[in-house]
Amino acid sequence: MALAKKSFGRTIDVHELEELLKAGREIKIIDVRTPAEYQSMHIPGSYNVPLDRLPEHKTELANALQAPVVLVCRSGARAEQAARVFDTTSLEQFHVLQGGISAWQQARRPVNQGKQIWSMERQVRGVAGSLVLLSVLGSLFLWKPLAWLAAFVGGGLTYSALTDTCGMAMLLSKLPYNRIVRCDIRDVVQQLSAAE
């Protein structure tokens, strides 16, 4: 099974990736979730390059990567965004793990686990849901204009769905809770270069 050259948008499923790894194919797995998410669970041998740091380091990463790359996040959405970033580089072989690490775990494939934290998607749902609930209740019992906060959050979620980006996730990723674990991109680049 060969990975196609410059195949943006090509997904690879869990079984294909496992077959390639078992066959000894040289593949790099780049996990684009936050460092805290990565620490809580990741595919053994994967490297962490958070999506929000990828644009500033895309060229040096692309230069360090000669083997085919599989991009991973929780469900596949952030990995697709990372693929679009890599599409503007010299990196010729990159693919997105269909269903992300969730699919990998559901298929009962090995993972390294650490301290468990909420995924970014779960944090966004929690914050957005809380804001909507509190603003609606507040508008009923305290101050009617609070309903506009619920409308604002709903509009933000709609924009997020249409553009496949999430401003709330970008803001939440900056919180100390999500920064307790750091990712040194230069160290990752050195590791990738040494492994080639």
N, C-alpha and C. Protein backbone atom coordinates (compact mmCIF):
# COMPACT_ATOMS: atom_id res chain seq x y z
N MET A 1 0.86 -1.17 0.00
CA MET A 1 0.00 0.00 0.00
C MET A 1 0.90 1.23 0.00
N ALA A 2 0.74 2.09 -0.96
CA ALA A 2 1.60 3.28 -1.07
C ALA A 2 0.78 4.52 -0.78
N LEU A 3 1.45 5.48 -0.17
CA LEU A 3 0.80 6.77 0.07
C LEU A 3 1.07 7.65 -1.14
N ALA A 4 0.02 8.26 -1.68
CA ALA A 4 0.15 9.06 -2.89
C ALA A 4 0.90 10.35 -2.63
N LYS A 5 1.58 10.86 -3.66
CA LYS A 5 2.28 12.14 -3.57
C LYS A 5 1.27 13.28 -3.62
N LYS A 6 1.56 14.34 -2.87
CA LYS A 6 0.79 15.59 -2.86
C LYS A 6 -0.71 15.35 -2.95
N SER A 7 -1.22 14.58 -2.01
CA SER A 7 -2.63 14.21 -2.08
C SER A 7 -3.43 14.93 -1.00
N PHE A 8 -3.44 16.26 -1.04
CA PHE A 8 -4.18 17.04 -0.06
C PHE A 8 -5.62 16.56 0.00
N GLY A 9 -6.10 16.44 1.20
CA GLY A 9 -7.47 16.01 1.37
C GLY A 9 -7.60 14.50 1.48
N ARG A 10 -6.55 13.75 1.18
CA ARG A 10 -6.62 12.31 1.26
C ARG A 10 -6.62 11.91 2.73
N THR A 11 -7.56 11.10 3.07
CA THR A 11 -7.60 10.60 4.43
C THR A 11 -7.07 9.17 4.44
N ILE A 12 -6.60 8.78 5.59
CA ILE A 12 -6.14 7.41 5.79
C ILE A 12 -6.88 6.90 7.01
N ASP A 13 -7.42 5.69 6.92
CA ASP A 13 -8.16 5.21 8.08
C ASP A 13 -7.24 4.44 9.02
N VAL A 14 -7.77 4.10 10.16
CA VAL A 14 -6.99 3.46 11.22
C VAL A 14 -6.34 2.18 10.72
N HIS A 15 -7.10 1.36 9.99
CA HIS A 15 -6.58 0.07 9.53
C HIS A 15 -5.44 0.25 8.53
N GLU A 16 -5.58 1.23 7.62
CA GLU A 16 -4.50 1.50 6.66
C GLU A 16 -3.23 1.95 7.38
N LEU A 17 -3.39 2.86 8.34
CA LEU A 17 -2.23 3.36 9.07
C LEU A 17 -1.56 2.23 9.85
N GLU A 18 -2.36 1.39 10.49
CA GLU A 18 -1.78 0.28 11.25
C GLU A 18 -1.04 -0.69 10.33
N GLU A 19 -1.59 -0.97 9.16
CA GLU A 19 -0.91 -1.85 8.21
C GLU A 19 0.43 -1.27 7.78
N LEU A 20 0.44 0.03 7.49
CA LEU A 20 1.69 0.67 7.08
C LEU A 20 2.73 0.64 8.19
N LEU A 21 2.30 0.88 9.43
CA LEU A 21 3.23 0.84 10.55
C LEU A 21 3.75 -0.57 10.79
N LYS A 22 2.87 -1.58 10.69
CA LYS A 22 3.30 -2.97 10.87
C LYS A 22 4.26 -3.41 9.77
N ALA A 23 4.07 -2.86 8.57
CA ALA A 23 4.94 -3.22 7.45
C ALA A 23 6.30 -2.52 7.54
N GLY A 24 6.46 -1.69 8.57
CA GLY A 24 7.75 -1.01 8.76
C GLY A 24 7.94 0.22 7.90
N ARG A 25 6.85 0.74 7.32
CA ARG A 25 6.95 1.94 6.50
C ARG A 25 7.37 3.12 7.36
N GLU A 26 8.25 3.95 6.84
CA GLU A 26 8.70 5.15 7.55
C GLU A 26 7.61 6.21 7.43
N ILE A 27 6.89 6.41 8.51
CA ILE A 27 5.79 7.38 8.55
C ILE A 27 5.94 8.20 9.82
N LYS A 28 5.73 9.50 9.71
CA LYS A 28 5.74 10.37 10.89
C LYS A 28 4.30 10.73 11.21
N ILE A 29 3.96 10.64 12.47
CA ILE A 29 2.62 10.99 12.92
C ILE A 29 2.74 12.29 13.71
N ILE A 30 2.07 13.33 13.21
CA ILE A 30 2.07 14.64 13.84
C ILE A 30 0.69 14.88 14.46
N ASP A 31 0.66 15.05 15.76
CA ASP A 31 -0.57 15.29 16.51
C ASP A 31 -0.68 16.80 16.72
N VAL A 32 -1.75 17.41 16.19
CA VAL A 32 -1.88 18.87 16.20
C VAL A 32 -2.78 19.38 17.33
N ARG A 33 -3.10 18.52 18.29
CA ARG A 33 -3.90 18.97 19.44
C ARG A 33 -3.03 19.79 20.38
N THR A 34 -3.65 20.35 21.40
CA THR A 34 -2.90 21.13 22.39
C THR A 34 -1.96 20.19 23.14
N PRO A 35 -0.87 20.73 23.71
CA PRO A 35 0.05 19.88 24.48
C PRO A 35 -0.64 19.13 25.62
N ALA A 36 -1.60 19.76 26.28
CA ALA A 36 -2.31 19.10 27.38
C ALA A 36 -3.14 17.93 26.86
N GLU A 37 -3.82 18.11 25.71
CA GLU A 37 -4.58 17.01 25.11
C GLU A 37 -3.64 15.88 24.71
N TYR A 38 -2.51 16.26 24.11
CA TYR A 38 -1.51 15.27 23.68
C TYR A 38 -1.00 14.47 24.88
N GLN A 39 -0.71 15.16 25.97
CA GLN A 39 -0.21 14.48 27.16
C GLN A 39 -1.24 13.51 27.71
N SER A 40 -2.52 13.86 27.64
CA SER A 40 -3.54 12.99 28.20
C SER A 40 -3.67 11.68 27.42
N MET A 41 -3.45 11.72 26.10
CA MET A 41 -3.50 10.50 25.29
C MET A 41 -2.95 10.79 23.90
N HIS A 42 -2.05 9.94 23.43
CA HIS A 42 -1.54 10.08 22.07
C HIS A 42 -1.09 8.74 21.52
N ILE A 43 -0.94 8.69 20.21
CA ILE A 43 -0.45 7.48 19.54
C ILE A 43 1.04 7.35 19.82
N PRO A 44 1.48 6.17 20.25
CA PRO A 44 2.92 5.98 20.53
C PRO A 44 3.76 6.36 19.30
N GLY A 45 4.83 7.10 19.55
CA GLY A 45 5.74 7.51 18.48
C GLY A 45 5.32 8.77 17.75
N SER A 46 4.19 9.35 18.13
CA SER A 46 3.74 10.58 17.46
C SER A 46 4.46 11.79 18.05
N TYR A 47 4.45 12.87 17.30
CA TYR A 47 5.06 14.13 17.71
C TYR A 47 3.97 15.16 17.86
N ASN A 48 4.11 16.04 18.86
CA ASN A 48 3.10 17.06 19.10
C ASN A 48 3.53 18.40 18.53
N VAL A 49 2.73 18.91 17.60
CA VAL A 49 2.91 20.25 17.05
C VAL A 49 1.52 20.90 17.07
N PRO A 50 1.22 21.70 18.10
CA PRO A 50 -0.11 22.29 18.23
C PRO A 50 -0.48 23.13 17.00
N LEU A 51 -1.73 23.00 16.59
CA LEU A 51 -2.22 23.70 15.40
C LEU A 51 -1.97 25.20 15.46
N ASP A 52 -2.13 25.82 16.63
CA ASP A 52 -1.95 27.26 16.72
C ASP A 52 -0.49 27.69 16.55
N ARG A 53 0.45 26.76 16.67
CA ARG A 53 1.87 27.08 16.48
C ARG A 53 2.39 26.63 15.12
N LEU A 54 1.59 25.88 14.39
CA LEU A 54 2.02 25.32 13.11
C LEU A 54 2.34 26.37 12.05
N PRO A 55 1.51 27.41 11.84
CA PRO A 55 1.81 28.36 10.78
C PRO A 55 3.19 29.01 10.89
N GLU A 56 3.63 29.35 12.10
CA GLU A 56 4.92 30.02 12.26
C GLU A 56 6.11 29.07 12.08
N HIS A 57 5.88 27.77 12.16
CA HIS A 57 6.97 26.80 12.06
C HIS A 57 6.79 25.84 10.87
N LYS A 58 5.85 26.12 9.98
CA LYS A 58 5.52 25.18 8.91
C LYS A 58 6.70 24.89 7.98
N THR A 59 7.51 25.90 7.66
CA THR A 59 8.61 25.70 6.73
C THR A 59 9.69 24.82 7.32
N GLU A 60 10.10 25.11 8.56
CA GLU A 60 11.14 24.29 9.18
C GLU A 60 10.65 22.87 9.42
N LEU A 61 9.37 22.70 9.74
CA LEU A 61 8.82 21.35 9.91
C LEU A 61 8.79 20.61 8.58
N ALA A 62 8.33 21.28 7.53
CA ALA A 62 8.28 20.64 6.22
C ALA A 62 9.67 20.23 5.75
N ASN A 63 10.67 21.06 6.05
CA ASN A 63 12.04 20.73 5.66
C ASN A 63 12.58 19.54 6.46
N ALA A 64 12.11 19.37 7.69
CA ALA A 64 12.58 18.27 8.54
C ALA A 64 11.88 16.95 8.23
N LEU A 65 10.77 17.02 7.51
CA LEU A 65 9.97 15.83 7.23
C LEU A 65 10.20 15.33 5.81
N GLN A 66 10.80 14.17 5.68
CA GLN A 66 10.99 13.56 4.37
C GLN A 66 10.04 12.39 4.16
N ALA A 67 9.71 11.71 5.23
CA ALA A 67 8.80 10.56 5.17
C ALA A 67 7.36 11.06 5.07
N PRO A 68 6.45 10.21 4.61
CA PRO A 68 5.04 10.59 4.62
C PRO A 68 4.59 10.96 6.03
N VAL A 69 3.66 11.90 6.12
CA VAL A 69 3.18 12.42 7.40
C VAL A 69 1.69 12.13 7.51
N VAL A 70 1.30 11.66 8.70
CA VAL A 70 -0.12 11.49 9.01
C VAL A 70 -0.45 12.49 10.11
N LEU A 71 -1.41 13.36 9.83
CA LEU A 71 -1.83 14.40 10.77
C LEU A 71 -2.99 13.88 11.61
N VAL A 72 -2.91 14.12 12.92
CA VAL A 72 -3.90 13.57 13.84
C VAL A 72 -4.40 14.67 14.78
N CYS A 73 -5.69 14.65 15.07
CA CYS A 73 -6.26 15.46 16.14
C CYS A 73 -7.30 14.58 16.82
N ARG A 74 -8.25 15.16 17.49
CA ARG A 74 -9.24 14.33 18.17
C ARG A 74 -10.19 13.67 17.19
N SER A 75 -10.73 14.45 16.23
CA SER A 75 -11.74 13.92 15.33
C SER A 75 -11.38 14.04 13.85
N GLY A 76 -10.41 14.86 13.52
CA GLY A 76 -10.01 15.05 12.13
C GLY A 76 -10.12 16.49 11.64
N ALA A 77 -10.91 17.33 12.31
CA ALA A 77 -11.14 18.70 11.85
C ALA A 77 -9.87 19.55 11.94
N ARG A 78 -9.18 19.52 13.08
CA ARG A 78 -7.96 20.31 13.21
C ARG A 78 -6.85 19.76 12.33
N ALA A 79 -6.84 18.44 12.13
CA ALA A 79 -5.84 17.85 11.23
C ALA A 79 -6.06 18.32 9.79
N GLU A 80 -7.32 18.50 9.39
CA GLU A 80 -7.62 19.05 8.06
C GLU A 80 -7.10 20.47 7.95
N GLN A 81 -7.26 21.27 9.01
CA GLN A 81 -6.72 22.64 9.00
C GLN A 81 -5.20 22.60 8.88
N ALA A 82 -4.56 21.68 9.58
CA ALA A 82 -3.11 21.54 9.50
C ALA A 82 -2.69 21.14 8.10
N ALA A 83 -3.47 20.29 7.44
CA ALA A 83 -3.16 19.88 6.07
C ALA A 83 -3.18 21.10 5.14
N ARG A 84 -4.13 22.00 5.37
CA ARG A 84 -4.18 23.21 4.54
C ARG A 84 -2.96 24.08 4.77
N VAL A 85 -2.44 24.10 6.00
CA VAL A 85 -1.22 24.86 6.29
C VAL A 85 -0.04 24.21 5.56
N PHE A 86 0.09 22.89 5.66
CA PHE A 86 1.20 22.19 5.00
C PHE A 86 1.09 22.24 3.48
N ASP A 87 -0.12 22.46 2.97
CA ASP A 87 -0.30 22.52 1.52
C ASP A 87 0.48 23.68 0.91
N THR A 88 0.84 24.67 1.71
CA THR A 88 1.59 25.83 1.20
C THR A 88 3.09 25.66 1.36
N THR A 89 3.54 24.44 1.68
CA THR A 89 4.97 24.18 1.89
C THR A 89 5.47 23.18 0.85
N SER A 90 6.73 22.81 1.00
CA SER A 90 7.33 21.83 0.09
C SER A 90 7.01 20.39 0.50
N LEU A 91 6.35 20.20 1.62
CA LEU A 91 6.02 18.86 2.06
C LEU A 91 5.08 18.20 1.05
N GLU A 92 5.50 17.05 0.53
CA GLU A 92 4.74 16.43 -0.56
C GLU A 92 3.77 15.36 -0.12
N GLN A 93 4.00 14.73 1.02
CA GLN A 93 3.15 13.62 1.42
C GLN A 93 2.58 13.84 2.81
N PHE A 94 1.34 14.25 2.86
CA PHE A 94 0.68 14.38 4.16
C PHE A 94 -0.76 13.92 4.03
N HIS A 95 -1.23 13.30 5.09
CA HIS A 95 -2.54 12.67 5.10
C HIS A 95 -3.20 12.92 6.45
N VAL A 96 -4.49 12.81 6.50
CA VAL A 96 -5.25 13.06 7.72
C VAL A 96 -5.84 11.73 8.19
N LEU A 97 -5.62 11.42 9.48
CA LEU A 97 -6.21 10.21 10.04
C LEU A 97 -7.70 10.41 10.20
N GLN A 98 -8.46 9.65 9.45
CA GLN A 98 -9.91 9.75 9.46
C GLN A 98 -10.45 9.41 10.84
N GLY A 99 -11.21 10.32 11.43
CA GLY A 99 -11.78 10.10 12.76
C GLY A 99 -10.82 10.42 13.89
N GLY A 100 -9.57 10.75 13.57
CA GLY A 100 -8.59 11.17 14.55
C GLY A 100 -8.28 10.11 15.60
N ILE A 101 -7.76 10.60 16.71
CA ILE A 101 -7.37 9.68 17.78
C ILE A 101 -8.59 9.00 18.39
N SER A 102 -9.77 9.60 18.25
CA SER A 102 -11.00 8.96 18.74
C SER A 102 -11.23 7.65 17.99
N ALA A 103 -11.06 7.67 16.67
CA ALA A 103 -11.22 6.45 15.87
C ALA A 103 -10.13 5.44 16.21
N TRP A 104 -8.90 5.93 16.42
CA TRP A 104 -7.78 5.06 16.79
C TRP A 104 -8.09 4.33 18.11
N GLN A 105 -8.58 5.08 19.08
CA GLN A 105 -8.89 4.50 20.37
C GLN A 105 -10.09 3.55 20.28
N GLN A 106 -11.12 3.92 19.51
CA GLN A 106 -12.29 3.06 19.36
C GLN A 106 -11.93 1.74 18.69
N ALA A 107 -10.90 1.77 17.83
CA ALA A 107 -10.44 0.54 17.18
C ALA A 107 -9.52 -0.26 18.10
N ARG A 108 -9.38 0.19 19.34
CA ARG A 108 -8.57 -0.47 20.37
C ARG A 108 -7.10 -0.60 19.96
N ARG A 109 -6.60 0.47 19.35
CA ARG A 109 -5.18 0.52 19.00
C ARG A 109 -4.42 1.11 20.18
N PRO A 110 -3.12 0.85 20.28
CA PRO A 110 -2.37 1.30 21.46
C PRO A 110 -2.27 2.83 21.54
N VAL A 111 -2.37 3.33 22.77
CA VAL A 111 -2.18 4.75 23.04
C VAL A 111 -1.33 4.90 24.30
N ASN A 112 -0.61 5.99 24.37
CA ASN A 112 0.08 6.36 25.60
C ASN A 112 -0.85 7.29 26.35
N GLN A 113 -1.11 7.00 27.62
CA GLN A 113 -2.03 7.82 28.39
C GLN A 113 -1.32 8.50 29.55
N GLY A 114 -1.74 9.72 29.83
CA GLY A 114 -1.23 10.49 30.96
C GLY A 114 -2.39 11.06 31.72
N LYS A 115 -2.16 12.20 32.34
CA LYS A 115 -3.22 12.88 33.10
C LYS A 115 -4.35 13.25 32.15
N GLN A 116 -5.57 12.87 32.52
CA GLN A 116 -6.72 13.09 31.66
C GLN A 116 -7.27 14.51 31.82
N ILE A 117 -7.48 15.18 30.70
CA ILE A 117 -8.13 16.50 30.69
C ILE A 117 -9.21 16.48 29.61
N TRP A 118 -10.06 17.47 29.64
CA TRP A 118 -11.09 17.58 28.62
C TRP A 118 -10.45 17.95 27.29
N SER A 119 -10.95 17.35 26.20
CA SER A 119 -10.48 17.72 24.86
C SER A 119 -10.95 19.15 24.56
N MET A 120 -10.34 19.77 23.57
CA MET A 120 -10.70 21.13 23.20
C MET A 120 -12.16 21.20 22.75
N GLU A 121 -12.62 20.21 21.98
CA GLU A 121 -14.01 20.21 21.54
C GLU A 121 -14.97 20.16 22.73
N ARG A 122 -14.62 19.36 23.74
CA ARG A 122 -15.47 19.26 24.92
C ARG A 122 -15.45 20.56 25.71
N GLN A 123 -14.29 21.20 25.79
CA GLN A 123 -14.20 22.49 26.48
C GLN A 123 -15.07 23.53 25.78
N VAL A 124 -15.03 23.57 24.44
CA VAL A 124 -15.85 24.53 23.69
C VAL A 124 -17.32 24.28 23.94
N ARG A 125 -17.74 23.00 23.86
CA ARG A 125 -19.15 22.69 24.10
C ARG A 125 -19.56 23.09 25.51
N GLY A 126 -18.69 22.85 26.49
CA GLY A 126 -18.99 23.20 27.88
C GLY A 126 -19.15 24.69 28.09
N VAL A 127 -18.21 25.46 27.54
CA VAL A 127 -18.26 26.92 27.71
C VAL A 127 -19.43 27.51 26.93
N ALA A 128 -19.59 27.09 25.66
CA ALA A 128 -20.69 27.63 24.85
C ALA A 128 -22.04 27.29 25.46
N GLY A 129 -22.21 26.04 25.86
CA GLY A 129 -23.48 25.62 26.47
C GLY A 129 -23.77 26.38 27.75
N SER A 130 -22.74 26.57 28.58
CA SER A 130 -22.92 27.30 29.84
C SER A 130 -23.30 28.75 29.59
N LEU A 131 -22.61 29.37 28.62
CA LEU A 131 -22.94 30.77 28.31
C LEU A 131 -24.37 30.92 27.82
N VAL A 132 -24.81 30.03 26.94
CA VAL A 132 -26.17 30.09 26.42
C VAL A 132 -27.18 29.86 27.55
N LEU A 133 -26.96 28.82 28.35
CA LEU A 133 -27.90 28.52 29.44
C LEU A 133 -27.99 29.66 30.44
N LEU A 134 -26.83 30.17 30.88
CA LEU A 134 -26.84 31.24 31.87
C LEU A 134 -27.43 32.54 31.31
N SER A 135 -27.14 32.84 30.05
CA SER A 135 -27.69 34.08 29.49
C SER A 135 -29.20 33.99 29.29
N VAL A 136 -29.70 32.83 28.88
CA VAL A 136 -31.16 32.67 28.74
C VAL A 136 -31.84 32.76 30.10
N LEU A 137 -31.30 32.04 31.09
CA LEU A 137 -31.88 32.11 32.43
C LEU A 137 -31.78 33.52 33.00
N GLY A 138 -30.64 34.17 32.79
CA GLY A 138 -30.47 35.54 33.26
C GLY A 138 -31.43 36.50 32.60
N SER A 139 -31.71 36.27 31.30
CA SER A 139 -32.66 37.15 30.60
C SER A 139 -34.09 36.94 31.09
N LEU A 140 -34.39 35.74 31.57
CA LEU A 140 -35.74 35.47 32.08
C LEU A 140 -35.95 36.04 33.47
N PHE A 141 -34.90 36.01 34.29
CA PHE A 141 -35.08 36.37 35.70
C PHE A 141 -34.38 37.65 36.14
N LEU A 142 -33.36 38.11 35.39
CA LEU A 142 -32.60 39.26 35.85
C LEU A 142 -32.68 40.47 34.92
N TRP A 143 -32.25 40.23 33.68
CA TRP A 143 -32.12 41.36 32.76
C TRP A 143 -32.32 40.87 31.34
N LYS A 144 -33.38 41.28 30.68
CA LYS A 144 -33.76 40.76 29.37
C LYS A 144 -32.68 40.84 28.30
N PRO A 145 -31.87 41.91 28.26
CA PRO A 145 -30.84 41.98 27.21
C PRO A 145 -29.76 40.88 27.27
N LEU A 146 -29.70 40.12 28.36
CA LEU A 146 -28.74 39.02 28.42
C LEU A 146 -29.00 37.98 27.33
N ALA A 147 -30.21 37.97 26.79
CA ALA A 147 -30.54 37.03 25.70
C ALA A 147 -29.64 37.26 24.49
N TRP A 148 -29.14 38.49 24.34
CA TRP A 148 -28.25 38.78 23.21
C TRP A 148 -26.93 38.02 23.32
N LEU A 149 -26.50 37.70 24.51
CA LEU A 149 -25.29 36.90 24.69
C LEU A 149 -25.50 35.50 24.10
N ALA A 150 -26.67 34.92 24.32
CA ALA A 150 -26.99 33.61 23.73
C ALA A 150 -26.99 33.71 22.21
N ALA A 151 -27.54 34.80 21.67
CA ALA A 151 -27.55 35.00 20.21
C ALA A 151 -26.13 35.14 19.68
N PHE A 152 -25.28 35.87 20.42
CA PHE A 152 -23.88 36.05 20.01
C PHE A 152 -23.14 34.71 19.98
N VAL A 153 -23.32 33.90 21.01
CA VAL A 153 -22.66 32.59 21.06
C VAL A 153 -23.18 31.70 19.93
N GLY A 154 -24.49 31.70 19.71
CA GLY A 154 -25.06 30.92 18.61
C GLY A 154 -24.52 31.35 17.26
N GLY A 155 -24.39 32.67 17.07
CA GLY A 155 -23.80 33.18 15.83
C GLY A 155 -22.36 32.75 15.67
N GLY A 156 -21.60 32.77 16.78
CA GLY A 156 -20.21 32.34 16.74
C GLY A 156 -20.08 30.87 16.38
N LEU A 157 -20.97 30.05 16.93
CA LEU A 157 -20.95 28.62 16.61
C LEU A 157 -21.33 28.37 15.16
N THR A 158 -22.28 29.13 14.65
CA THR A 158 -22.67 29.00 13.24
C THR A 158 -21.51 29.39 12.34
N TYR A 159 -20.85 30.51 12.65
CA TYR A 159 -19.67 30.94 11.88
C TYR A 159 -18.58 29.88 11.94
N SER A 160 -18.40 29.31 13.11
CA SER A 160 -17.40 28.26 13.30
C SER A 160 -17.68 27.07 12.40
N ALA A 161 -18.94 26.68 12.32
CA ALA A 161 -19.31 25.54 11.46
C ALA A 161 -19.11 25.86 9.99
N LEU A 162 -19.45 27.08 9.58
CA LEU A 162 -19.33 27.46 8.17
C LEU A 162 -17.87 27.59 7.72
N THR A 163 -17.02 28.08 8.60
CA THR A 163 -15.62 28.32 8.23
C THR A 163 -14.68 27.21 8.67
N ASP A 164 -15.18 26.26 9.45
CA ASP A 164 -14.37 25.17 10.00
C ASP A 164 -13.21 25.71 10.83
N THR A 165 -13.47 26.81 11.54
CA THR A 165 -12.51 27.38 12.49
C THR A 165 -13.27 27.60 13.79
N CYS A 166 -12.54 27.84 14.84
CA CYS A 166 -13.24 28.08 16.11
C CYS A 166 -12.48 29.09 16.94
N GLY A 167 -13.01 30.30 16.99
CA GLY A 167 -12.39 31.36 17.79
C GLY A 167 -12.38 31.03 19.27
N MET A 168 -13.45 30.38 19.75
CA MET A 168 -13.50 30.04 21.16
C MET A 168 -12.41 29.02 21.50
N ALA A 169 -12.18 28.07 20.62
CA ALA A 169 -11.12 27.08 20.86
C ALA A 169 -9.75 27.76 20.88
N MET A 170 -9.56 28.74 19.99
CA MET A 170 -8.28 29.46 19.99
C MET A 170 -8.09 30.21 21.31
N LEU A 171 -9.17 30.83 21.82
CA LEU A 171 -9.08 31.53 23.10
C LEU A 171 -8.84 30.56 24.25
N LEU A 172 -9.58 29.45 24.27
CA LEU A 172 -9.43 28.48 25.34
C LEU A 172 -8.04 27.84 25.35
N SER A 173 -7.44 27.69 24.18
CA SER A 173 -6.11 27.07 24.11
C SER A 173 -5.05 27.93 24.78
N LYS A 174 -5.36 29.21 24.99
CA LYS A 174 -4.41 30.13 25.64
C LYS A 174 -4.52 30.12 27.17
N LEU A 175 -5.56 29.49 27.70
CA LEU A 175 -5.75 29.45 29.15
C LEU A 175 -4.65 28.62 29.82
N PRO A 176 -4.29 28.97 31.04
CA PRO A 176 -3.26 28.20 31.77
C PRO A 176 -3.57 26.71 31.86
N TYR A 177 -4.84 26.37 31.97
CA TYR A 177 -5.26 24.97 32.04
C TYR A 177 -4.75 24.19 30.83
N ASN A 178 -4.79 24.83 29.67
CA ASN A 178 -4.34 24.18 28.45
C ASN A 178 -2.87 24.42 28.16
N ARG A 179 -2.21 25.21 28.99
CA ARG A 179 -0.79 25.52 28.80
C ARG A 179 0.09 24.90 29.88
N ILE A 180 -0.49 24.04 30.73
CA ILE A 180 0.31 23.45 31.81
C ILE A 180 1.43 22.59 31.25
N VAL A 181 1.23 22.07 30.06
CA VAL A 181 2.26 21.30 29.38
C VAL A 181 2.70 22.12 28.18
N ARG A 182 3.98 22.25 28.01
CA ARG A 182 4.50 23.06 26.91
C ARG A 182 5.02 22.15 25.80
N CYS A 183 5.05 22.70 24.62
CA CYS A 183 5.59 21.99 23.46
C CYS A 183 6.69 22.86 22.85
N ASP A 184 7.91 22.36 22.86
CA ASP A 184 9.03 23.08 22.26
C ASP A 184 9.16 22.64 20.80
N ILE A 185 8.69 23.48 19.89
CA ILE A 185 8.67 23.13 18.47
C ILE A 185 10.08 22.88 17.95
N ARG A 186 11.03 23.68 18.38
CA ARG A 186 12.42 23.49 17.91
C ARG A 186 12.95 22.12 18.31
N ASP A 187 12.58 21.65 19.51
CA ASP A 187 12.97 20.32 19.95
C ASP A 187 12.31 19.25 19.06
N VAL A 188 11.03 19.46 18.72
CA VAL A 188 10.33 18.52 17.85
C VAL A 188 10.99 18.47 16.47
N VAL A 189 11.37 19.64 15.93
CA VAL A 189 12.04 19.70 14.63
C VAL A 189 13.36 18.93 14.69
N GLN A 190 14.13 19.11 15.77
CA GLN A 190 15.39 18.38 15.91
C GLN A 190 15.15 16.88 15.99
N GLN A 191 14.14 16.46 16.72
CA GLN A 191 13.81 15.03 16.82
C GLN A 191 13.42 14.46 15.45
N LEU A 192 12.60 15.23 14.72
CA LEU A 192 12.17 14.77 13.39
C LEU A 192 13.36 14.68 12.44
N SER A 193 14.25 15.67 12.48
CA SER A 193 15.44 15.67 11.62
C SER A 193 16.34 14.49 11.95
N ALA A 194 16.53 14.21 13.23
CA ALA A 194 17.39 13.11 13.66
C ALA A 194 16.81 11.76 13.29
N ALA A 195 15.47 11.68 13.22
CA ALA A 195 14.82 10.41 12.93
C ALA A 195 14.77 10.11 11.43
N GLU A 196 15.05 11.10 10.59
CA GLU A 196 15.00 10.88 9.14
C GLU A 196 16.19 10.07 8.68
